[in-house]
């Protein structure tokens, strides 16, 4: 079952030059959210200056990009340790 969490805004850092784009996103989870979340999907749609789009994810299902497909939920989180 997919569960949407209201995580608030991530902290995002972007680095780029003429040949590379680097993006770091920090997403903070509460202890309660860590207990209810065991998998998540990390994905992006990149649009180049000429309009070309590419679709990125940790895993893709067969066929057209579908970031809601269960296959995309490939990132796993370790259970929280003692506080």
Protein backbone atom coordinates (compact mmCIF):
# COMPACT_ATOMS: atom_id res chain seq x y z
CA UNK A 1 0.00 0.00 0.00
CA UNK A 2 1.36 3.41 -0.97
CA UNK A 3 1.31 6.07 1.73
CA UNK A 4 1.95 9.73 1.01
CA UNK A 5 3.82 11.48 3.81
CA UNK A 6 3.65 15.21 4.36
CA UNK A 7 7.38 15.75 4.83
CA UNK A 8 7.56 19.47 4.25
CA UNK A 9 10.08 21.12 1.97
CA UNK A 10 13.43 19.39 1.41
CA UNK A 11 16.68 21.33 1.66
CA UNK A 12 18.13 21.36 -1.85
CA UNK A 13 21.66 22.18 -3.02
CA UNK A 14 22.46 22.48 -6.73
CA UNK A 15 25.92 22.50 -8.30
CA UNK A 16 26.42 22.87 -12.03
CA UNK A 17 28.89 23.78 -14.69
CA UNK A 18 28.90 23.48 -18.49
CA UNK A 19 28.98 19.66 -18.38
CA UNK A 20 27.39 18.54 -15.10
CA UNK A 21 24.44 19.11 -12.83
CA UNK A 22 24.57 17.86 -9.26
CA UNK A 23 21.60 17.98 -6.92
CA UNK A 24 21.54 17.06 -3.24
CA UNK A 25 18.19 16.92 -1.45
CA UNK A 26 17.96 16.48 2.32
CA UNK A 27 14.64 15.05 3.44
CA UNK A 28 13.98 14.89 7.15
CA UNK A 29 11.82 12.08 8.57
CA UNK A 30 10.33 11.99 12.03
CA UNK A 31 10.78 8.85 14.12
CA UNK A 32 7.09 8.00 13.50
CA UNK A 33 7.47 8.36 9.71
CA UNK A 34 10.52 6.09 9.77
CA UNK A 35 8.45 3.37 11.47
CA UNK A 36 5.68 3.50 8.85
CA UNK A 37 7.97 3.81 5.81
CA UNK A 38 10.03 0.90 4.52
CA UNK A 39 10.42 1.73 0.80
CA UNK A 40 10.44 4.89 -1.23
CA UNK A 41 10.86 5.98 -4.83
CA UNK A 42 13.49 8.47 -5.89
CA UNK A 43 12.87 9.84 -9.37
CA UNK A 44 13.35 12.90 -11.55
CA UNK A 45 12.41 14.26 -14.94
CA UNK A 46 15.27 16.23 -16.50
CA UNK A 47 14.49 18.70 -19.29
CA UNK A 48 17.42 19.96 -21.31
CA UNK A 49 17.57 23.45 -22.79
CA UNK A 50 16.49 22.05 -26.19
CA UNK A 51 13.34 20.50 -24.64
CA UNK A 52 14.62 16.90 -24.59
CA UNK A 53 13.32 15.06 -21.51
CA UNK A 54 14.86 12.09 -19.75
CA UNK A 55 13.29 10.08 -16.93
CA UNK A 56 15.44 8.88 -14.03
CA UNK A 57 14.61 6.49 -11.21
CA UNK A 58 16.35 3.88 -9.10
CA UNK A 59 14.28 1.25 -10.94
CA UNK A 60 11.86 1.38 -13.89
CA UNK A 61 8.93 -0.89 -14.75
CA UNK A 62 8.68 -2.11 -18.36
CA UNK A 63 7.11 0.30 -20.84
CA UNK A 64 6.50 4.01 -20.45
CA UNK A 65 7.86 5.83 -17.37
CA UNK A 66 5.48 5.39 -14.44
CA UNK A 67 6.91 6.71 -11.18
CA UNK A 68 3.89 5.39 -9.23
CA UNK A 69 4.50 1.75 -10.24
CA UNK A 70 5.60 -0.50 -7.33
CA UNK A 71 8.85 -1.34 -9.18
CA UNK A 72 10.02 2.27 -8.71
CA UNK A 73 9.89 1.93 -4.93
CA UNK A 74 13.38 0.46 -4.76
CA UNK A 75 14.97 2.56 -2.01
CA UNK A 76 14.76 0.95 1.39
CA UNK A 77 15.17 2.49 4.81
CA UNK A 78 16.68 0.76 7.78
CA UNK A 79 14.41 0.58 10.83
CA UNK A 80 15.10 3.36 13.31
CA UNK A 81 17.53 2.56 16.09
CA UNK A 82 16.97 3.35 19.75
CA UNK A 83 16.60 7.04 20.49
